[in-house]
Amino acid sequence: MKKIPLDIVALSHSVTQSHNYAVVLGEKTGSRRLPIVIGGFEAQAIAVAMERMSPNRPLTHDLFKNAMEIFDVELKEVIINNLLDGIFYARLICHKNGEIVEIDSRTSDALAMAVRFECPIFTYEFILDAAGVILEDTEDEDAALQENRPTKRGSRSKAAAKGNALSSYSLEDLNKLLEEVLGNEDYERAAEIRDELNKRKNQDS
């Protein structure tokens, strides 16, 4: 069965489930998107890795990655291989001593591991046919999803207020604040600060 490569396009609040989030996967060679509802913990685990943050202590997915590396297990790819009753299923395709080992996984955990190993993500045509959506204006989509970065439950307006307050900080103060919140393991706040830093970097370039 032909595998279709995917990229993680964005993380956002789930429109249909207010207490959850959605990771949006985009078809590399097409315009289809595959939105998958995930839990808050898994959304944060993906966001931390995508933002290349360095927690003081390893998160669960970091611990699993460290253990795999110690035992010389390499994650080669992640495959979202099934969809049953609205639930996505995934497998971790690993190499160990020249042998291929497949491990069943929740899709959210598989994606959190994929961003840590920087390995490719795949799915199959029948899954995109069943659950994929086509978005014609990808620029508007990306901009909208960027505004919906995962935040704590019900706290989107608070997050926006925090973002506005960050605009008054100097670059030096922002970098100091980033170190402080990482030390406190407040990764949501760290993501907001990183966004403000990237915004200013883009304005200067």
N, C-alpha and C. Protein backbone atom coordinates (compact mmCIF):
# COMPACT_ATOMS: atom_id res chain seq x y z
N MET A 1 0.84 -1.18 0.00
CA MET A 1 0.00 0.00 0.00
C MET A 1 0.89 1.25 0.00
N LYS A 2 0.60 2.20 -0.90
CA LYS A 2 1.43 3.39 -1.04
C LYS A 2 1.32 4.28 0.18
N LYS A 3 2.48 4.73 0.67
CA LYS A 3 2.50 5.63 1.82
C LYS A 3 2.51 7.08 1.34
N ILE A 4 1.75 7.93 2.01
CA ILE A 4 1.66 9.34 1.66
C ILE A 4 2.37 10.16 2.75
N PRO A 5 3.41 10.91 2.40
CA PRO A 5 4.14 11.68 3.41
C PRO A 5 3.35 12.89 3.89
N LEU A 6 3.49 13.18 5.18
CA LEU A 6 2.79 14.29 5.82
C LEU A 6 3.76 15.17 6.58
N ASP A 7 3.36 16.43 6.76
CA ASP A 7 4.07 17.36 7.63
C ASP A 7 3.10 17.83 8.71
N ILE A 8 3.64 18.20 9.87
CA ILE A 8 2.81 18.84 10.88
C ILE A 8 2.66 20.31 10.47
N VAL A 9 1.45 20.71 10.15
CA VAL A 9 1.18 22.07 9.70
C VAL A 9 1.00 23.01 10.89
N ALA A 10 0.23 22.57 11.89
CA ALA A 10 -0.05 23.46 13.02
C ALA A 10 -0.69 22.69 14.15
N LEU A 11 -0.71 23.34 15.31
CA LEU A 11 -1.47 22.89 16.46
C LEU A 11 -2.49 23.96 16.78
N SER A 12 -3.71 23.54 17.11
CA SER A 12 -4.74 24.52 17.40
C SER A 12 -5.73 23.94 18.40
N HIS A 13 -6.58 24.81 18.95
CA HIS A 13 -7.69 24.32 19.75
C HIS A 13 -8.62 23.50 18.86
N SER A 14 -9.17 22.43 19.42
CA SER A 14 -10.15 21.64 18.68
C SER A 14 -11.45 22.41 18.59
N VAL A 15 -11.98 22.54 17.36
CA VAL A 15 -13.24 23.24 17.17
C VAL A 15 -14.40 22.44 17.74
N THR A 16 -14.31 21.12 17.66
CA THR A 16 -15.42 20.27 18.06
C THR A 16 -15.36 19.84 19.52
N GLN A 17 -14.16 19.84 20.11
CA GLN A 17 -14.01 19.40 21.50
C GLN A 17 -13.21 20.46 22.25
N SER A 18 -13.92 21.26 23.05
CA SER A 18 -13.32 22.45 23.64
C SER A 18 -12.18 22.17 24.60
N HIS A 19 -12.16 21.00 25.21
CA HIS A 19 -11.11 20.69 26.18
C HIS A 19 -9.92 19.99 25.54
N ASN A 20 -9.94 19.82 24.24
CA ASN A 20 -8.85 19.15 23.54
C ASN A 20 -8.23 20.08 22.50
N TYR A 21 -7.25 19.55 21.79
CA TYR A 21 -6.56 20.30 20.76
C TYR A 21 -6.57 19.49 19.48
N ALA A 22 -6.14 20.11 18.41
CA ALA A 22 -6.05 19.41 17.13
C ALA A 22 -4.66 19.62 16.56
N VAL A 23 -4.05 18.53 16.11
CA VAL A 23 -2.82 18.65 15.34
C VAL A 23 -3.22 18.49 13.88
N VAL A 24 -2.78 19.41 13.05
CA VAL A 24 -3.16 19.41 11.64
C VAL A 24 -1.97 18.93 10.82
N LEU A 25 -2.17 17.83 10.11
CA LEU A 25 -1.13 17.27 9.24
C LEU A 25 -1.44 17.64 7.80
N GLY A 26 -0.42 18.04 7.08
CA GLY A 26 -0.61 18.43 5.69
C GLY A 26 0.08 17.47 4.74
N GLU A 27 -0.59 17.16 3.66
CA GLU A 27 -0.04 16.30 2.62
C GLU A 27 1.12 17.03 1.94
N LYS A 28 2.29 16.41 1.87
CA LYS A 28 3.46 17.08 1.29
C LYS A 28 3.29 17.37 -0.19
N THR A 29 2.62 16.47 -0.89
CA THR A 29 2.51 16.61 -2.34
C THR A 29 1.10 16.98 -2.78
N GLY A 30 0.31 17.53 -1.88
CA GLY A 30 -1.06 17.89 -2.23
C GLY A 30 -1.60 18.93 -1.27
N SER A 31 -2.90 19.20 -1.38
CA SER A 31 -3.53 20.26 -0.59
C SER A 31 -4.40 19.73 0.54
N ARG A 32 -4.42 18.42 0.72
CA ARG A 32 -5.28 17.88 1.76
C ARG A 32 -4.67 18.04 3.15
N ARG A 33 -5.54 18.23 4.12
CA ARG A 33 -5.13 18.34 5.52
C ARG A 33 -5.83 17.25 6.33
N LEU A 34 -5.14 16.76 7.33
CA LEU A 34 -5.68 15.71 8.19
C LEU A 34 -5.68 16.21 9.63
N PRO A 35 -6.81 16.72 10.12
CA PRO A 35 -6.87 17.18 11.51
C PRO A 35 -7.15 16.02 12.45
N ILE A 36 -6.37 15.94 13.53
CA ILE A 36 -6.53 14.86 14.51
C ILE A 36 -6.65 15.46 15.90
N VAL A 37 -7.71 15.13 16.60
CA VAL A 37 -7.93 15.63 17.95
C VAL A 37 -7.01 14.90 18.92
N ILE A 38 -6.30 15.65 19.76
CA ILE A 38 -5.39 15.06 20.74
C ILE A 38 -5.60 15.74 22.09
N GLY A 39 -5.02 15.15 23.13
CA GLY A 39 -5.13 15.69 24.47
C GLY A 39 -4.17 16.85 24.71
N GLY A 40 -4.40 17.56 25.79
CA GLY A 40 -3.58 18.71 26.12
C GLY A 40 -2.14 18.36 26.39
N PHE A 41 -1.90 17.28 27.12
CA PHE A 41 -0.53 16.88 27.43
C PHE A 41 0.25 16.57 26.17
N GLU A 42 -0.37 15.82 25.26
CA GLU A 42 0.30 15.46 24.02
C GLU A 42 0.53 16.69 23.13
N ALA A 43 -0.42 17.64 23.14
CA ALA A 43 -0.24 18.87 22.38
C ALA A 43 0.97 19.64 22.89
N GLN A 44 1.11 19.71 24.21
CA GLN A 44 2.27 20.39 24.78
C GLN A 44 3.56 19.66 24.46
N ALA A 45 3.51 18.33 24.48
CA ALA A 45 4.70 17.54 24.18
C ALA A 45 5.17 17.79 22.74
N ILE A 46 4.22 17.91 21.83
CA ILE A 46 4.57 18.19 20.43
C ILE A 46 5.09 19.62 20.30
N ALA A 47 4.41 20.57 20.96
CA ALA A 47 4.81 21.98 20.85
C ALA A 47 6.20 22.21 21.40
N VAL A 48 6.53 21.58 22.53
CA VAL A 48 7.85 21.75 23.14
C VAL A 48 8.94 21.31 22.17
N ALA A 49 8.72 20.17 21.52
CA ALA A 49 9.73 19.66 20.59
C ALA A 49 9.81 20.52 19.33
N MET A 50 8.66 20.98 18.84
CA MET A 50 8.67 21.80 17.63
C MET A 50 9.34 23.15 17.88
N GLU A 51 9.18 23.67 19.09
CA GLU A 51 9.79 24.95 19.44
C GLU A 51 11.25 24.79 19.89
N ARG A 52 11.71 23.53 19.92
CA ARG A 52 13.09 23.21 20.33
C ARG A 52 13.43 23.76 21.71
N MET A 53 12.47 23.62 22.62
CA MET A 53 12.72 24.02 24.00
C MET A 53 13.48 22.92 24.72
N SER A 54 14.20 23.28 25.77
CA SER A 54 15.00 22.31 26.53
C SER A 54 14.52 22.29 27.98
N PRO A 55 13.60 21.39 28.32
CA PRO A 55 13.12 21.30 29.70
C PRO A 55 14.25 20.96 30.66
N ASN A 56 14.14 21.45 31.90
CA ASN A 56 15.15 21.12 32.90
C ASN A 56 15.17 19.63 33.18
N ARG A 57 14.00 19.03 33.16
CA ARG A 57 13.88 17.57 33.35
C ARG A 57 13.17 16.99 32.14
N PRO A 58 13.53 15.79 31.73
CA PRO A 58 12.91 15.22 30.52
C PRO A 58 11.42 14.95 30.71
N LEU A 59 10.64 15.33 29.69
CA LEU A 59 9.24 14.94 29.66
C LEU A 59 9.15 13.45 29.32
N THR A 60 7.95 12.91 29.42
CA THR A 60 7.78 11.46 29.21
C THR A 60 8.29 11.04 27.83
N HIS A 61 7.98 11.81 26.80
CA HIS A 61 8.42 11.45 25.45
C HIS A 61 9.94 11.62 25.30
N ASP A 62 10.52 12.59 26.00
CA ASP A 62 11.97 12.73 25.99
C ASP A 62 12.62 11.53 26.67
N LEU A 63 12.02 11.08 27.77
CA LEU A 63 12.54 9.91 28.48
C LEU A 63 12.50 8.68 27.58
N PHE A 64 11.41 8.49 26.86
CA PHE A 64 11.29 7.34 25.97
C PHE A 64 12.33 7.42 24.86
N LYS A 65 12.53 8.61 24.32
CA LYS A 65 13.54 8.79 23.27
C LYS A 65 14.93 8.47 23.81
N ASN A 66 15.25 8.97 25.01
CA ASN A 66 16.55 8.70 25.61
C ASN A 66 16.76 7.20 25.82
N ALA A 67 15.71 6.51 26.28
CA ALA A 67 15.81 5.07 26.51
C ALA A 67 16.03 4.32 25.19
N MET A 68 15.32 4.73 24.15
CA MET A 68 15.49 4.08 22.85
C MET A 68 16.92 4.26 22.34
N GLU A 69 17.47 5.45 22.52
CA GLU A 69 18.82 5.71 22.04
C GLU A 69 19.85 4.92 22.83
N ILE A 70 19.65 4.80 24.13
CA ILE A 70 20.58 4.03 24.96
C ILE A 70 20.60 2.57 24.53
N PHE A 71 19.44 2.04 24.18
CA PHE A 71 19.35 0.64 23.75
C PHE A 71 19.48 0.48 22.24
N ASP A 72 19.97 1.53 21.58
CA ASP A 72 20.30 1.49 20.16
C ASP A 72 19.08 1.13 19.31
N VAL A 73 17.95 1.75 19.63
CA VAL A 73 16.74 1.60 18.82
C VAL A 73 16.50 2.92 18.11
N GLU A 74 16.41 2.89 16.79
CA GLU A 74 16.25 4.10 16.00
C GLU A 74 14.83 4.16 15.43
N LEU A 75 14.17 5.27 15.66
CA LEU A 75 12.84 5.48 15.09
C LEU A 75 13.01 5.98 13.66
N LYS A 76 12.60 5.17 12.69
CA LYS A 76 12.80 5.51 11.28
C LYS A 76 11.62 6.28 10.69
N GLU A 77 10.42 5.91 11.10
CA GLU A 77 9.25 6.60 10.57
C GLU A 77 8.04 6.31 11.44
N VAL A 78 7.02 7.15 11.28
CA VAL A 78 5.73 6.96 11.95
C VAL A 78 4.68 6.80 10.87
N ILE A 79 3.80 5.82 11.03
CA ILE A 79 2.74 5.59 10.05
C ILE A 79 1.39 5.64 10.76
N ILE A 80 0.53 6.54 10.32
CA ILE A 80 -0.87 6.53 10.78
C ILE A 80 -1.57 5.51 9.90
N ASN A 81 -1.79 4.33 10.45
CA ASN A 81 -2.11 3.17 9.61
C ASN A 81 -3.56 2.73 9.60
N ASN A 82 -4.38 3.35 10.47
CA ASN A 82 -5.78 2.91 10.46
C ASN A 82 -6.68 3.99 11.06
N LEU A 83 -7.95 3.89 10.73
CA LEU A 83 -8.98 4.78 11.25
C LEU A 83 -10.23 3.96 11.47
N LEU A 84 -10.59 3.76 12.73
CA LEU A 84 -11.76 2.95 13.07
C LEU A 84 -12.64 3.72 14.04
N ASP A 85 -13.91 3.88 13.65
CA ASP A 85 -14.88 4.58 14.50
C ASP A 85 -14.38 5.95 14.94
N GLY A 86 -13.73 6.65 14.02
CA GLY A 86 -13.26 7.99 14.32
C GLY A 86 -11.97 8.06 15.10
N ILE A 87 -11.34 6.93 15.38
CA ILE A 87 -10.10 6.89 16.15
C ILE A 87 -8.95 6.52 15.22
N PHE A 88 -7.89 7.35 15.25
CA PHE A 88 -6.71 7.08 14.44
C PHE A 88 -5.77 6.14 15.19
N TYR A 89 -5.12 5.28 14.42
CA TYR A 89 -4.13 4.35 14.98
C TYR A 89 -2.79 4.57 14.28
N ALA A 90 -1.73 4.32 15.01
CA ALA A 90 -0.40 4.58 14.44
C ALA A 90 0.59 3.52 14.87
N ARG A 91 1.70 3.45 14.15
CA ARG A 91 2.80 2.54 14.48
C ARG A 91 4.12 3.29 14.41
N LEU A 92 5.00 2.95 15.33
CA LEU A 92 6.38 3.42 15.27
C LEU A 92 7.19 2.36 14.54
N ILE A 93 7.85 2.74 13.46
CA ILE A 93 8.68 1.80 12.71
C ILE A 93 10.13 2.02 13.14
N CYS A 94 10.66 1.06 13.85
CA CYS A 94 11.99 1.20 14.46
C CYS A 94 12.98 0.20 13.87
N HIS A 95 14.26 0.56 13.95
CA HIS A 95 15.34 -0.34 13.56
C HIS A 95 16.16 -0.69 14.78
N LYS A 96 16.42 -2.00 14.94
CA LYS A 96 17.23 -2.48 16.05
C LYS A 96 18.13 -3.60 15.55
N ASN A 97 19.43 -3.35 15.53
CA ASN A 97 20.40 -4.36 15.07
C ASN A 97 20.07 -4.87 13.67
N GLY A 98 19.68 -3.96 12.79
CA GLY A 98 19.39 -4.33 11.41
C GLY A 98 18.01 -4.92 11.19
N GLU A 99 17.23 -5.08 12.25
CA GLU A 99 15.88 -5.63 12.13
C GLU A 99 14.85 -4.51 12.28
N ILE A 100 13.71 -4.69 11.62
CA ILE A 100 12.62 -3.73 11.72
C ILE A 100 11.67 -4.19 12.84
N VAL A 101 11.38 -3.27 13.75
CA VAL A 101 10.47 -3.54 14.86
C VAL A 101 9.33 -2.53 14.79
N GLU A 102 8.09 -3.01 14.79
CA GLU A 102 6.93 -2.14 14.75
C GLU A 102 6.27 -2.10 16.12
N ILE A 103 5.97 -0.88 16.59
CA ILE A 103 5.39 -0.69 17.91
C ILE A 103 4.06 0.05 17.76
N ASP A 104 2.98 -0.52 18.30
CA ASP A 104 1.69 0.16 18.29
C ASP A 104 1.75 1.40 19.17
N SER A 105 1.06 2.45 18.76
CA SER A 105 1.12 3.70 19.50
C SER A 105 -0.16 4.50 19.29
N ARG A 106 -0.51 5.28 20.28
CA ARG A 106 -1.52 6.30 20.04
C ARG A 106 -0.93 7.29 19.04
N THR A 107 -1.77 7.83 18.18
CA THR A 107 -1.27 8.73 17.15
C THR A 107 -0.61 9.97 17.74
N SER A 108 -1.17 10.52 18.81
CA SER A 108 -0.60 11.71 19.43
C SER A 108 0.79 11.43 19.97
N ASP A 109 0.99 10.27 20.61
CA ASP A 109 2.31 9.91 21.12
C ASP A 109 3.28 9.68 19.97
N ALA A 110 2.79 9.04 18.91
CA ALA A 110 3.66 8.79 17.75
C ALA A 110 4.16 10.10 17.15
N LEU A 111 3.28 11.09 17.06
CA LEU A 111 3.69 12.38 16.51
C LEU A 111 4.68 13.10 17.43
N ALA A 112 4.46 12.98 18.74
CA ALA A 112 5.40 13.58 19.69
C ALA A 112 6.79 12.95 19.56
N MET A 113 6.83 11.66 19.26
CA MET A 113 8.11 11.00 19.06
C MET A 113 8.72 11.38 17.71
N ALA A 114 7.87 11.52 16.70
CA ALA A 114 8.37 11.85 15.35
C ALA A 114 9.09 13.20 15.34
N VAL A 115 8.54 14.19 16.05
CA VAL A 115 9.21 15.49 16.03
C VAL A 115 10.52 15.45 16.81
N ARG A 116 10.62 14.55 17.79
CA ARG A 116 11.87 14.43 18.54
C ARG A 116 12.95 13.71 17.73
N PHE A 117 12.58 12.70 16.98
CA PHE A 117 13.54 11.98 16.16
C PHE A 117 13.70 12.63 14.77
N GLU A 118 12.86 13.62 14.48
CA GLU A 118 12.87 14.26 13.16
C GLU A 118 12.74 13.23 12.05
N CYS A 119 11.84 12.30 12.26
CA CYS A 119 11.63 11.24 11.28
C CYS A 119 10.36 11.53 10.47
N PRO A 120 10.22 10.93 9.29
CA PRO A 120 9.05 11.20 8.45
C PRO A 120 7.76 10.61 9.03
N ILE A 121 6.65 11.23 8.64
CA ILE A 121 5.32 10.80 9.05
C ILE A 121 4.55 10.42 7.79
N PHE A 122 3.88 9.28 7.82
CA PHE A 122 3.14 8.81 6.65
C PHE A 122 1.72 8.41 7.04
N THR A 123 0.87 8.34 6.04
CA THR A 123 -0.44 7.73 6.19
C THR A 123 -0.80 7.06 4.87
N TYR A 124 -2.04 6.54 4.78
CA TYR A 124 -2.48 5.87 3.56
C TYR A 124 -3.64 6.64 2.91
N GLU A 125 -3.84 6.36 1.64
CA GLU A 125 -4.86 7.06 0.86
C GLU A 125 -6.25 6.91 1.47
N PHE A 126 -6.60 5.72 1.95
CA PHE A 126 -7.95 5.51 2.44
C PHE A 126 -8.23 6.35 3.69
N ILE A 127 -7.19 6.67 4.45
CA ILE A 127 -7.37 7.51 5.64
C ILE A 127 -7.61 8.96 5.23
N LEU A 128 -6.83 9.44 4.25
CA LEU A 128 -7.05 10.80 3.75
C LEU A 128 -8.41 10.92 3.07
N ASP A 129 -8.83 9.87 2.37
CA ASP A 129 -10.15 9.89 1.74
C ASP A 129 -11.25 10.00 2.78
N ALA A 130 -11.07 9.31 3.90
CA ALA A 130 -12.11 9.26 4.93
C ALA A 130 -12.12 10.48 5.84
N ALA A 131 -10.94 11.01 6.17
CA ALA A 131 -10.87 12.06 7.18
C ALA A 131 -10.18 13.34 6.73
N GLY A 132 -9.61 13.34 5.52
CA GLY A 132 -8.90 14.53 5.05
C GLY A 132 -9.85 15.62 4.59
N VAL A 133 -9.36 16.85 4.65
CA VAL A 133 -10.12 17.99 4.14
C VAL A 133 -9.21 18.76 3.19
N ILE A 134 -9.82 19.44 2.23
CA ILE A 134 -9.06 20.23 1.26
C ILE A 134 -9.25 21.71 1.58
N LEU A 135 -8.15 22.40 1.79
CA LEU A 135 -8.19 23.84 2.07
C LEU A 135 -7.51 24.56 0.92
N GLU A 136 -8.26 25.41 0.25
CA GLU A 136 -7.74 26.07 -0.95
C GLU A 136 -6.78 27.19 -0.61
N ASP A 137 -7.08 27.98 0.43
CA ASP A 137 -6.24 29.13 0.77
C ASP A 137 -5.35 28.78 1.93
N THR A 138 -4.18 28.23 1.64
CA THR A 138 -3.29 27.75 2.69
C THR A 138 -2.69 28.89 3.49
N GLU A 139 -2.54 30.07 2.88
CA GLU A 139 -1.96 31.19 3.61
C GLU A 139 -2.89 31.63 4.73
N ASP A 140 -4.20 31.72 4.41
CA ASP A 140 -5.17 32.09 5.43
C ASP A 140 -5.24 31.02 6.50
N GLU A 141 -5.15 29.77 6.07
CA GLU A 141 -5.20 28.66 7.03
C GLU A 141 -4.05 28.72 7.99
N ASP A 142 -2.82 28.90 7.47
CA ASP A 142 -1.64 28.93 8.33
C ASP A 142 -1.70 30.09 9.30
N ALA A 143 -2.17 31.24 8.83
CA ALA A 143 -2.25 32.41 9.70
C ALA A 143 -3.26 32.19 10.80
N ALA A 144 -4.40 31.59 10.45
CA ALA A 144 -5.43 31.35 11.46
C ALA A 144 -4.97 30.35 12.49
N LEU A 145 -4.31 29.27 12.03
CA LEU A 145 -3.87 28.25 12.96
C LEU A 145 -2.76 28.76 13.86
N GLN A 146 -1.92 29.66 13.33
CA GLN A 146 -0.85 30.20 14.14
C GLN A 146 -1.40 30.99 15.31
N GLU A 147 -2.57 31.64 15.09
CA GLU A 147 -3.20 32.39 16.17
C GLU A 147 -3.79 31.46 17.23
N ASN A 148 -3.99 30.19 16.89
CA ASN A 148 -4.62 29.24 17.80
C ASN A 148 -3.63 28.28 18.41
N ARG A 149 -2.45 28.77 18.78
CA ARG A 149 -1.46 27.94 19.45
C ARG A 149 -2.08 27.30 20.69
N PRO A 150 -1.74 26.04 21.01
CA PRO A 150 -2.33 25.40 22.19
C PRO A 150 -2.07 26.21 23.45
N THR A 151 -3.15 26.41 24.22
CA THR A 151 -3.05 27.09 25.51
C THR A 151 -3.82 26.29 26.53
N LYS A 152 -3.81 26.72 27.76
CA LYS A 152 -4.55 26.01 28.79
C LYS A 152 -6.03 26.08 28.48
N ARG A 153 -6.77 25.14 29.05
CA ARG A 153 -8.19 25.07 28.77
C ARG A 153 -8.88 26.37 29.11
N GLY A 154 -9.67 26.87 28.11
CA GLY A 154 -10.47 28.03 28.37
C GLY A 154 -9.70 29.31 28.60
N SER A 155 -8.41 29.36 28.25
CA SER A 155 -7.61 30.52 28.60
C SER A 155 -7.11 31.29 27.39
N ARG A 156 -7.79 31.18 26.27
CA ARG A 156 -7.30 31.82 25.06
C ARG A 156 -7.26 33.33 25.19
N SER A 157 -8.28 33.94 25.81
CA SER A 157 -8.27 35.38 25.96
C SER A 157 -7.15 35.81 26.89
N LYS A 158 -6.87 35.03 27.91
CA LYS A 158 -5.76 35.34 28.81
C LYS A 158 -4.44 35.27 28.06
N ALA A 159 -4.31 34.27 27.22
CA ALA A 159 -3.07 34.12 26.46
C ALA A 159 -2.87 35.32 25.54
N ALA A 160 -3.96 35.81 24.93
CA ALA A 160 -3.85 36.97 24.06
C ALA A 160 -3.40 38.19 24.84
N ALA A 161 -3.95 38.33 26.07
CA ALA A 161 -3.55 39.46 26.90
C ALA A 161 -2.07 39.38 27.25
N LYS A 162 -1.61 38.17 27.55
CA LYS A 162 -0.19 37.98 27.86
C LYS A 162 0.67 38.36 26.66
N GLY A 163 0.21 37.94 25.47
CA GLY A 163 0.97 38.23 24.26
C GLY A 163 1.10 39.73 24.04
N ASN A 164 0.00 40.47 24.30
CA ASN A 164 0.05 41.91 24.14
C ASN A 164 1.03 42.53 25.12
N ALA A 165 1.06 42.02 26.36
CA ALA A 165 1.96 42.56 27.37
C ALA A 165 3.41 42.34 26.99
N LEU A 166 3.71 41.25 26.30
CA LEU A 166 5.08 40.94 25.92
C LEU A 166 5.65 41.97 24.94
N SER A 167 4.79 42.64 24.22
CA SER A 167 5.27 43.60 23.23
C SER A 167 5.99 44.79 23.87
N SER A 168 5.77 44.99 25.17
CA SER A 168 6.41 46.11 25.85
C SER A 168 7.79 45.75 26.41
N TYR A 169 8.17 44.46 26.33
CA TYR A 169 9.46 44.02 26.85
C TYR A 169 10.57 44.31 25.85
N SER A 170 11.76 44.58 26.37
CA SER A 170 12.93 44.68 25.49
C SER A 170 13.40 43.28 25.12
N LEU A 171 14.24 43.17 24.10
CA LEU A 171 14.76 41.85 23.70
C LEU A 171 15.52 41.20 24.84
N GLU A 172 16.31 41.98 25.54
CA GLU A 172 17.08 41.43 26.66
C GLU A 172 16.16 40.89 27.74
N ASP A 173 15.10 41.66 28.05
CA ASP A 173 14.16 41.21 29.08
C ASP A 173 13.40 39.97 28.63
N LEU A 174 13.06 39.91 27.34
CA LEU A 174 12.35 38.73 26.83
C LEU A 174 13.21 37.48 26.96
N ASN A 175 14.50 37.59 26.64
CA ASN A 175 15.39 36.43 26.75
C ASN A 175 15.56 35.99 28.19
N LYS A 176 15.63 36.96 29.10
CA LYS A 176 15.73 36.62 30.52
C LYS A 176 14.45 35.94 31.01
N LEU A 177 13.30 36.48 30.56
CA LEU A 177 12.02 35.89 30.95
C LEU A 177 11.88 34.48 30.40
N LEU A 178 12.38 34.27 29.17
CA LEU A 178 12.31 32.94 28.57
C LEU A 178 13.09 31.93 29.41
N GLU A 179 14.27 32.30 29.84
CA GLU A 179 15.07 31.41 30.70
C GLU A 179 14.34 31.12 32.01
N GLU A 180 13.69 32.13 32.55
CA GLU A 180 12.99 31.97 33.83
C GLU A 180 11.82 31.01 33.72
N VAL A 181 10.98 31.19 32.68
CA VAL A 181 9.80 30.32 32.56
C VAL A 181 10.19 28.90 32.18
N LEU A 182 11.28 28.74 31.42
CA LEU A 182 11.75 27.38 31.14
C LEU A 182 12.22 26.71 32.42
N GLY A 183 12.86 27.48 33.29
CA GLY A 183 13.28 26.94 34.57
C GLY A 183 12.12 26.50 35.43
N ASN A 184 10.97 27.20 35.26
CA ASN A 184 9.76 26.85 36.00
C ASN A 184 8.90 25.82 35.26
N GLU A 185 9.40 25.37 34.12
CA GLU A 185 8.70 24.37 33.30
C GLU A 185 7.32 24.85 32.85
N ASP A 186 7.21 26.15 32.60
CA ASP A 186 5.98 26.74 32.07
C ASP A 186 6.14 26.84 30.55
N TYR A 187 5.88 25.75 29.85
CA TYR A 187 6.18 25.69 28.42
C TYR A 187 5.18 26.47 27.58
N GLU A 188 3.97 26.63 28.07
CA GLU A 188 3.00 27.43 27.33
C GLU A 188 3.44 28.89 27.30
N ARG A 189 3.86 29.41 28.44
CA ARG A 189 4.35 30.79 28.50
C ARG A 189 5.62 30.94 27.66
N ALA A 190 6.47 29.92 27.70
CA ALA A 190 7.71 29.96 26.91
C ALA A 190 7.39 30.03 25.42
N ALA A 191 6.36 29.31 24.99
CA ALA A 191 5.98 29.35 23.57
C ALA A 191 5.51 30.74 23.17
N GLU A 192 4.79 31.43 24.08
CA GLU A 192 4.33 32.78 23.79
C GLU A 192 5.53 33.74 23.65
N ILE A 193 6.51 33.58 24.54
CA ILE A 193 7.70 34.44 24.49
C ILE A 193 8.49 34.16 23.22
N ARG A 194 8.62 32.87 22.86
CA ARG A 194 9.34 32.51 21.65
C ARG A 194 8.65 33.11 20.42
N ASP A 195 7.31 33.13 20.42
CA ASP A 195 6.56 33.74 19.31
C ASP A 195 6.88 35.23 19.19
N GLU A 196 6.94 35.91 20.33
CA GLU A 196 7.23 37.35 20.32
C GLU A 196 8.65 37.60 19.80
N LEU A 197 9.59 36.76 20.22
CA LEU A 197 10.97 36.90 19.74
C LEU A 197 11.05 36.67 18.24
N ASN A 198 10.35 35.63 17.76
CA ASN A 198 10.37 35.35 16.31
C ASN A 198 9.69 36.46 15.53
N LYS A 199 8.63 37.03 16.11
CA LYS A 199 7.92 38.13 15.45
C LYS A 199 8.85 39.33 15.25
N ARG A 200 9.61 39.64 16.27
CA ARG A 200 10.52 40.78 16.17
C ARG A 200 11.68 40.49 15.21
N LYS A 201 12.12 39.23 15.22
CA LYS A 201 13.18 38.85 14.30
C LYS A 201 12.74 39.01 12.86
N ASN A 202 11.49 38.62 12.58
CA ASN A 202 10.96 38.74 11.22
C ASN A 202 10.77 40.20 10.82
N GLN A 203 10.41 41.04 11.79
CA GLN A 203 10.25 42.46 11.50
C GLN A 203 11.58 43.14 11.17
N ASP A 204 12.65 42.66 11.82
CA ASP A 204 13.97 43.25 11.59
C ASP A 204 14.59 42.80 10.29
N SER A 205 14.19 41.60 9.83
CA SER A 205 14.81 41.04 8.61
C SER A 205 14.20 41.62 7.34
